Amino acid sequence: ALLAILVVSAWVVYRVARGWWRLADE
């Protein structure tokens, strides 16, 4: 469970950053 929380936390950061980056590039 702790491993899942760490991995999913990193995944959330990635998804927000990647999405916002691509949005900025339209």
PDB file of all heavy atoms in Angstrom:
ATOM      1  N   ALA A   1       0.837  -1.206   0.000  1.00  0.00           N
ATOM      2  CA  ALA A   1       0.000   0.000   0.000  1.00  0.00           C
ATOM      3  C   ALA A   1       0.869   1.251   0.000  1.00  0.00           C
ATOM      4  O   ALA A   1       0.589   2.205  -0.740  1.00  0.00           O
ATOM      5  CB  ALA A   1      -0.926  -0.006   1.212  1.00  0.00           C
ATOM      6  N   LEU A   2       1.919   1.255   0.808  1.00  0.00           N
ATOM      7  CA  LEU A   2       2.817   2.403   0.841  1.00  0.00           C
ATOM      8  C   LEU A   2       3.519   2.591  -0.503  1.00  0.00           C
ATOM      9  O   LEU A   2       3.651   3.718  -0.992  1.00  0.00           O
ATOM     10  CB  LEU A   2       3.844   2.245   1.960  1.00  0.00           C
ATOM     11  CG  LEU A   2       3.276   2.299   3.382  1.00  0.00           C
ATOM     12  CD1 LEU A   2       4.361   1.992   4.408  1.00  0.00           C
ATOM     13  CD2 LEU A   2       2.640   3.644   3.655  1.00  0.00           C
ATOM     14  N   LEU A   3       3.921   1.487  -1.112  1.00  0.00           N
ATOM     15  CA  LEU A   3       4.537   1.564  -2.436  1.00  0.00           C
ATOM     16  C   LEU A   3       3.540   2.109  -3.462  1.00  0.00           C
ATOM     17  O   LEU A   3       3.874   2.964  -4.281  1.00  0.00           O
ATOM     18  CB  LEU A   3       5.043   0.189  -2.863  1.00  0.00           C
ATOM     19  CG  LEU A   3       5.687   0.127  -4.255  1.00  0.00           C
ATOM     20  CD1 LEU A   3       6.925   1.010  -4.310  1.00  0.00           C
ATOM     21  CD2 LEU A   3       6.009  -1.310  -4.608  1.00  0.00           C
ATOM     22  N   ALA A   4       2.301   1.642  -3.389  1.00  0.00           N
ATOM     23  CA  ALA A   4       1.264   2.115  -4.313  1.00  0.00           C
ATOM     24  C   ALA A   4       1.034   3.615  -4.135  1.00  0.00           C
ATOM     25  O   ALA A   4       0.906   4.351  -5.118  1.00  0.00           O
ATOM     26  CB  ALA A   4      -0.036   1.348  -4.100  1.00  0.00           C
ATOM     27  N   ILE A   5       1.012   4.075  -2.899  1.00  0.00           N
ATOM     28  CA  ILE A   5       0.797   5.497  -2.635  1.00  0.00           C
ATOM     29  C   ILE A   5       1.940   6.327  -3.213  1.00  0.00           C
ATOM     30  O   ILE A   5       1.716   7.371  -3.834  1.00  0.00           O
ATOM     31  CB  ILE A   5       0.613   5.752  -1.121  1.00  0.00           C
ATOM     32  CG1 ILE A   5      -0.756   5.221  -0.686  1.00  0.00           C
ATOM     33  CG2 ILE A   5       0.765   7.225  -0.778  1.00  0.00           C
ATOM     34  CD1 ILE A   5      -0.960   5.190   0.806  1.00  0.00           C
ATOM     35  N   LEU A   6       3.172   5.855  -3.047  1.00  0.00           N
ATOM     36  CA  LEU A   6       4.322   6.582  -3.600  1.00  0.00           C
ATOM     37  C   LEU A   6       4.284   6.618  -5.125  1.00  0.00           C
ATOM     38  O   LEU A   6       4.498   7.664  -5.743  1.00  0.00           O
ATOM     39  CB  LEU A   6       5.624   5.943  -3.124  1.00  0.00           C
ATOM     40  CG  LEU A   6       5.985   6.181  -1.666  1.00  0.00           C
ATOM     41  CD1 LEU A   6       7.222   5.357  -1.282  1.00  0.00           C
ATOM     42  CD2 LEU A   6       6.232   7.647  -1.405  1.00  0.00           C
ATOM     43  N   VAL A   7       3.996   5.477  -5.734  1.00  0.00           N
ATOM     44  CA  VAL A   7       3.968   5.406  -7.197  1.00  0.00           C
ATOM     45  C   VAL A   7       2.835   6.258  -7.761  1.00  0.00           C
ATOM     46  O   VAL A   7       3.026   7.022  -8.714  1.00  0.00           O
ATOM     47  CB  VAL A   7       3.859   3.935  -7.671  1.00  0.00           C
ATOM     48  CG1 VAL A   7       3.566   3.852  -9.157  1.00  0.00           C
ATOM     49  CG2 VAL A   7       5.141   3.186  -7.331  1.00  0.00           C
ATOM     50  N   VAL A   8       1.667   6.160  -7.170  1.00  0.00           N
ATOM     51  CA  VAL A   8       0.521   6.932  -7.662  1.00  0.00           C
ATOM     52  C   VAL A   8       0.744   8.427  -7.431  1.00  0.00           C
ATOM     53  O   VAL A   8       0.367   9.250  -8.272  1.00  0.00           O
ATOM     54  CB  VAL A   8      -0.799   6.434  -7.031  1.00  0.00           C
ATOM     55  CG1 VAL A   8      -1.958   7.346  -7.397  1.00  0.00           C
ATOM     56  CG2 VAL A   8      -1.088   5.015  -7.471  1.00  0.00           C
ATOM     57  N   SER A   9       1.392   8.790  -6.342  1.00  0.00           N
ATOM     58  CA  SER A   9       1.707  10.201  -6.106  1.00  0.00           C
ATOM     59  C   SER A   9       2.607  10.745  -7.209  1.00  0.00           C
ATOM     60  O   SER A   9       2.367  11.831  -7.739  1.00  0.00           O
ATOM     61  CB  SER A   9       2.372  10.379  -4.746  1.00  0.00           C
ATOM     62  OG  SER A   9       1.471  10.061  -3.710  1.00  0.00           O
ATOM     63  N   ALA A  10       3.634   9.987  -7.553  1.00  0.00           N
ATOM     64  CA  ALA A  10       4.531  10.413  -8.641  1.00  0.00           C
ATOM     65  C   ALA A  10       3.773  10.469  -9.962  1.00  0.00           C
ATOM     66  O   ALA A  10       3.977  11.377 -10.772  1.00  0.00           O
ATOM     67  CB  ALA A  10       5.719   9.450  -8.748  1.00  0.00           C
ATOM     68  N   TRP A  11       2.868   9.526 -10.176  1.00  0.00           N
ATOM     69  CA  TRP A  11       2.070   9.475 -11.399  1.00  0.00           C
ATOM     70  C   TRP A  11       1.167  10.711 -11.497  1.00  0.00           C
ATOM     71  O   TRP A  11       1.017  11.296 -12.568  1.00  0.00           O
ATOM     72  CB  TRP A  11       1.262   8.186 -11.421  1.00  0.00           C
ATOM     73  CG  TRP A  11       0.395   7.983 -12.602  1.00  0.00           C
ATOM     74  CD1 TRP A  11       0.782   7.598 -13.853  1.00  0.00           C
ATOM     75  CD2 TRP A  11      -1.029   8.136 -12.662  1.00  0.00           C
ATOM     76  NE1 TRP A  11      -0.317   7.494 -14.672  1.00  0.00           N
ATOM     77  CE2 TRP A  11      -1.441   7.822 -13.960  1.00  0.00           C
ATOM     78  CE3 TRP A  11      -1.999   8.506 -11.724  1.00  0.00           C
ATOM     79  CZ2 TRP A  11      -2.765   7.874 -14.357  1.00  0.00           C
ATOM     80  CZ3 TRP A  11      -3.315   8.549 -12.117  1.00  0.00           C
ATOM     81  CH2 TRP A  11      -3.693   8.238 -13.420  1.00  0.00           C
ATOM     82  N   VAL A  12       0.578  11.123 -10.390  1.00  0.00           N
ATOM     83  CA  VAL A  12      -0.284  12.312 -10.376  1.00  0.00           C
ATOM     84  C   VAL A  12       0.539  13.549 -10.742  1.00  0.00           C
ATOM     85  O   VAL A  12       0.112  14.371 -11.568  1.00  0.00           O
ATOM     86  CB  VAL A  12      -0.976  12.494  -9.006  1.00  0.00           C
ATOM     87  CG1 VAL A  12      -1.571  13.890  -8.860  1.00  0.00           C
ATOM     88  CG2 VAL A  12      -2.054  11.442  -8.810  1.00  0.00           C
ATOM     89  N   VAL A  13       1.718  13.692 -10.149  1.00  0.00           N
ATOM     90  CA  VAL A  13       2.582  14.832 -10.472  1.00  0.00           C
ATOM     91  C   VAL A  13       2.906  14.820 -11.959  1.00  0.00           C
ATOM     92  O   VAL A  13       2.828  15.857 -12.641  1.00  0.00           O
ATOM     93  CB  VAL A  13       3.870  14.805  -9.617  1.00  0.00           C
ATOM     94  CG1 VAL A  13       4.876  15.831 -10.108  1.00  0.00           C
ATOM     95  CG2 VAL A  13       3.540  15.028  -8.147  1.00  0.00           C
ATOM     96  N   TYR A  14       3.253  13.656 -12.486  1.00  0.00           N
ATOM     97  CA  TYR A  14       3.557  13.513 -13.917  1.00  0.00           C
ATOM     98  C   TYR A  14       2.358  13.918 -14.772  1.00  0.00           C
ATOM     99  O   TYR A  14       2.498  14.669 -15.741  1.00  0.00           O
ATOM    100  CB  TYR A  14       3.970  12.069 -14.221  1.00  0.00           C
ATOM    101  CG  TYR A  14       3.838  11.694 -15.671  1.00  0.00           C
ATOM    102  CD1 TYR A  14       4.778  12.112 -16.613  1.00  0.00           C
ATOM    103  CD2 TYR A  14       2.753  10.928 -16.112  1.00  0.00           C
ATOM    104  CE1 TYR A  14       4.646  11.774 -17.956  1.00  0.00           C
ATOM    105  CE2 TYR A  14       2.618  10.587 -17.438  1.00  0.00           C
ATOM    106  CZ  TYR A  14       3.563  11.014 -18.359  1.00  0.00           C
ATOM    107  OH  TYR A  14       3.425  10.683 -19.680  1.00  0.00           O
ATOM    108  N   ARG A  15       1.168  13.416 -14.437  1.00  0.00           N
ATOM    109  CA  ARG A  15      -0.022  13.692 -15.251  1.00  0.00           C
ATOM    110  C   ARG A  15      -0.364  15.182 -15.254  1.00  0.00           C
ATOM    111  O   ARG A  15      -0.712  15.734 -16.303  1.00  0.00           O
ATOM    112  CB  ARG A  15      -1.228  12.889 -14.743  1.00  0.00           C
ATOM    113  CG  ARG A  15      -1.097  11.381 -14.798  1.00  0.00           C
ATOM    114  CD  ARG A  15      -1.524  10.808 -16.081  1.00  0.00           C
ATOM    115  NE  ARG A  15      -2.943  10.956 -16.330  1.00  0.00           N
ATOM    116  CZ  ARG A  15      -3.578  10.309 -17.287  1.00  0.00           C
ATOM    117  NH1 ARG A  15      -2.952   9.458 -18.064  1.00  0.00           N
ATOM    118  NH2 ARG A  15      -4.864  10.515 -17.492  1.00  0.00           N
ATOM    119  N   VAL A  16      -0.279  15.828 -14.110  1.00  0.00           N
ATOM    120  CA  VAL A  16      -0.578  17.258 -14.046  1.00  0.00           C
ATOM    121  C   VAL A  16       0.469  18.039 -14.833  1.00  0.00           C
ATOM    122  O   VAL A  16       0.129  18.906 -15.650  1.00  0.00           O
ATOM    123  CB  VAL A  16      -0.668  17.754 -12.582  1.00  0.00           C
ATOM    124  CG1 VAL A  16      -0.759  19.271 -12.517  1.00  0.00           C
ATOM    125  CG2 VAL A  16      -1.869  17.115 -11.877  1.00  0.00           C
ATOM    126  N   ALA A  17       1.743  17.725 -14.634  1.00  0.00           N
ATOM    127  CA  ALA A  17       2.814  18.452 -15.323  1.00  0.00           C
ATOM    128  C   ALA A  17       2.763  18.225 -16.837  1.00  0.00           C
ATOM    129  O   ALA A  17       2.850  19.180 -17.620  1.00  0.00           O
ATOM    130  CB  ALA A  17       4.173  18.028 -14.767  1.00  0.00           C
ATOM    131  N   ARG A  18       2.619  16.970 -17.257  1.00  0.00           N
ATOM    132  CA  ARG A  18       2.597  16.685 -18.695  1.00  0.00           C
ATOM    133  C   ARG A  18       1.387  17.334 -19.369  1.00  0.00           C
ATOM    134  O   ARG A  18       1.492  17.914 -20.459  1.00  0.00           O
ATOM    135  CB  ARG A  18       2.587  15.187 -18.942  1.00  0.00           C
ATOM    136  CG  ARG A  18       2.590  14.880 -20.430  1.00  0.00           C
ATOM    137  CD  ARG A  18       2.728  13.418 -20.716  1.00  0.00           C
ATOM    138  NE  ARG A  18       2.805  13.220 -22.163  1.00  0.00           N
ATOM    139  CZ  ARG A  18       2.312  12.191 -22.782  1.00  0.00           C
ATOM    140  NH1 ARG A  18       1.731  11.221 -22.090  1.00  0.00           N
ATOM    141  NH2 ARG A  18       2.404  12.080 -24.081  1.00  0.00           N
ATOM    142  N   GLY A  19       0.240  17.230 -18.736  1.00  0.00           N
ATOM    143  CA  GLY A  19      -0.961  17.823 -19.308  1.00  0.00           C
ATOM    144  C   GLY A  19      -0.855  19.326 -19.442  1.00  0.00           C
ATOM    145  O   GLY A  19      -1.186  19.903 -20.488  1.00  0.00           O
ATOM    146  N   TRP A  20      -0.377  19.975 -18.395  1.00  0.00           N
ATOM    147  CA  TRP A  20      -0.273  21.434 -18.423  1.00  0.00           C
ATOM    148  C   TRP A  20       0.762  21.877 -19.450  1.00  0.00           C
ATOM    149  O   TRP A  20       0.586  22.873 -20.141  1.00  0.00           O
ATOM    150  CB  TRP A  20       0.086  21.944 -17.039  1.00  0.00           C
ATOM    151  CG  TRP A  20      -0.459  23.312 -16.739  1.00  0.00           C
ATOM    152  CD1 TRP A  20      -1.127  24.152 -17.591  1.00  0.00           C
ATOM    153  CD2 TRP A  20      -0.391  23.999 -15.494  1.00  0.00           C
ATOM    154  NE1 TRP A  20      -1.466  25.316 -16.950  1.00  0.00           N
ATOM    155  CE2 TRP A  20      -1.035  25.241 -15.654  1.00  0.00           C
ATOM    156  CE3 TRP A  20       0.140  23.682 -14.256  1.00  0.00           C
ATOM    157  CZ2 TRP A  20      -1.143  26.166 -14.624  1.00  0.00           C
ATOM    158  CZ3 TRP A  20       0.023  24.597 -13.234  1.00  0.00           C
ATOM    159  CH2 TRP A  20      -0.612  25.827 -13.412  1.00  0.00           C
ATOM    160  N   TRP A  21       1.840  21.124 -19.561  1.00  0.00           N
ATOM    161  CA  TRP A  21       2.882  21.442 -20.537  1.00  0.00           C
ATOM    162  C   TRP A  21       2.325  21.368 -21.960  1.00  0.00           C
ATOM    163  O   TRP A  21       2.540  22.253 -22.781  1.00  0.00           O
ATOM    164  CB  TRP A  21       4.034  20.458 -20.390  1.00  0.00           C
ATOM    165  CG  TRP A  21       5.284  20.831 -21.133  1.00  0.00           C
ATOM    166  CD1 TRP A  21       5.386  21.176 -22.451  1.00  0.00           C
ATOM    167  CD2 TRP A  21       6.594  20.898 -20.614  1.00  0.00           C
ATOM    168  NE1 TRP A  21       6.682  21.430 -22.781  1.00  0.00           N
ATOM    169  CE2 TRP A  21       7.452  21.264 -21.669  1.00  0.00           C
ATOM    170  CE3 TRP A  21       7.136  20.653 -19.367  1.00  0.00           C
ATOM    171  CZ2 TRP A  21       8.821  21.403 -21.495  1.00  0.00           C
ATOM    172  CZ3 TRP A  21       8.495  20.795 -19.206  1.00  0.00           C
ATOM    173  CH2 TRP A  21       9.309  21.171 -20.262  1.00  0.00           C
ATOM    174  N   ARG A  22       1.596  20.297 -22.258  1.00  0.00           N
ATOM    175  CA  ARG A  22       1.020  20.146 -23.601  1.00  0.00           C
ATOM    176  C   ARG A  22      -0.050  21.203 -23.859  1.00  0.00           C
ATOM    177  O   ARG A  22      -0.197  21.680 -24.976  1.00  0.00           O
ATOM    178  CB  ARG A  22       0.485  18.733 -23.799  1.00  0.00           C
ATOM    179  CG  ARG A  22       1.633  17.725 -23.961  1.00  0.00           C
ATOM    180  CD  ARG A  22       1.146  16.338 -24.285  1.00  0.00           C
ATOM    181  NE  ARG A  22       0.469  16.251 -25.563  1.00  0.00           N
ATOM    182  CZ  ARG A  22       1.057  15.948 -26.717  1.00  0.00           C
ATOM    183  NH1 ARG A  22       2.353  15.738 -26.772  1.00  0.00           N
ATOM    184  NH2 ARG A  22       0.349  15.853 -27.828  1.00  0.00           N
ATOM    185  N   LEU A  23      -0.787  21.576 -22.836  1.00  0.00           N
ATOM    186  CA  LEU A  23      -1.778  22.643 -22.982  1.00  0.00           C
ATOM    187  C   LEU A  23      -1.085  23.954 -23.353  1.00  0.00           C
ATOM    188  O   LEU A  23      -1.548  24.683 -24.229  1.00  0.00           O
ATOM    189  CB  LEU A  23      -2.589  22.809 -21.699  1.00  0.00           C
ATOM    190  CG  LEU A  23      -3.600  23.951 -21.690  1.00  0.00           C
ATOM    191  CD1 LEU A  23      -4.696  23.723 -22.716  1.00  0.00           C
ATOM    192  CD2 LEU A  23      -4.191  24.119 -20.295  1.00  0.00           C
ATOM    193  N   ALA A  24       0.022  24.238 -22.697  1.00  0.00           N
ATOM    194  CA  ALA A  24       0.761  25.468 -22.993  1.00  0.00           C
ATOM    195  C   ALA A  24       1.243  25.487 -24.446  1.00  0.00           C
ATOM    196  O   ALA A  24       1.320  26.551 -25.058  1.00  0.00           O
ATOM    197  CB  ALA A  24       1.952  25.612 -22.044  1.00  0.00           C
ATOM    198  N   ASP A  25       1.529  24.308 -24.997  1.00  0.00           N
ATOM    199  CA  ASP A  25       1.950  24.206 -26.397  1.00  0.00           C
ATOM    200  C   ASP A  25       0.769  24.025 -27.352  1.00  0.00           C
ATOM    201  O   ASP A  25       0.966  23.785 -28.540  1.00  0.00           O
ATOM    202  CB  ASP A  25       2.919  23.023 -26.572  1.00  0.00           C
ATOM    203  CG  ASP A  25       4.267  23.277 -25.912  1.00  0.00           C
ATOM    204  OD1 ASP A  25       4.625  24.459 -25.709  1.00  0.00           O
ATOM    205  OD2 ASP A  25       4.968  22.296 -25.601  1.00  0.00           O
ATOM    206  N   GLU A  26      -0.448  24.099 -26.807  1.00  0.00           N
ATOM    207  CA  GLU A  26      -1.691  23.927 -27.569  1.00  0.00           C
ATOM    208  C   GLU A  26      -1.729  22.593 -28.309  1.00  0.00           C
ATOM    209  O   GLU A  26      -2.151  22.510 -29.466  1.00  0.00           O
ATOM    210  CB  GLU A  26      -1.911  25.102 -28.519  1.00  0.00           C
ATOM    211  CG  GLU A  26      -2.103  26.414 -27.793  1.00  0.00           C
ATOM    212  CD  GLU A  26      -2.450  27.575 -28.714  1.00  0.00           C
ATOM    213  OE1 GLU A  26      -2.477  27.397 -29.952  1.00  0.00           O
ATOM    214  OE2 GLU A  26      -2.729  28.657 -28.174  1.00  0.00           O
TER     215      GLU A  26
END
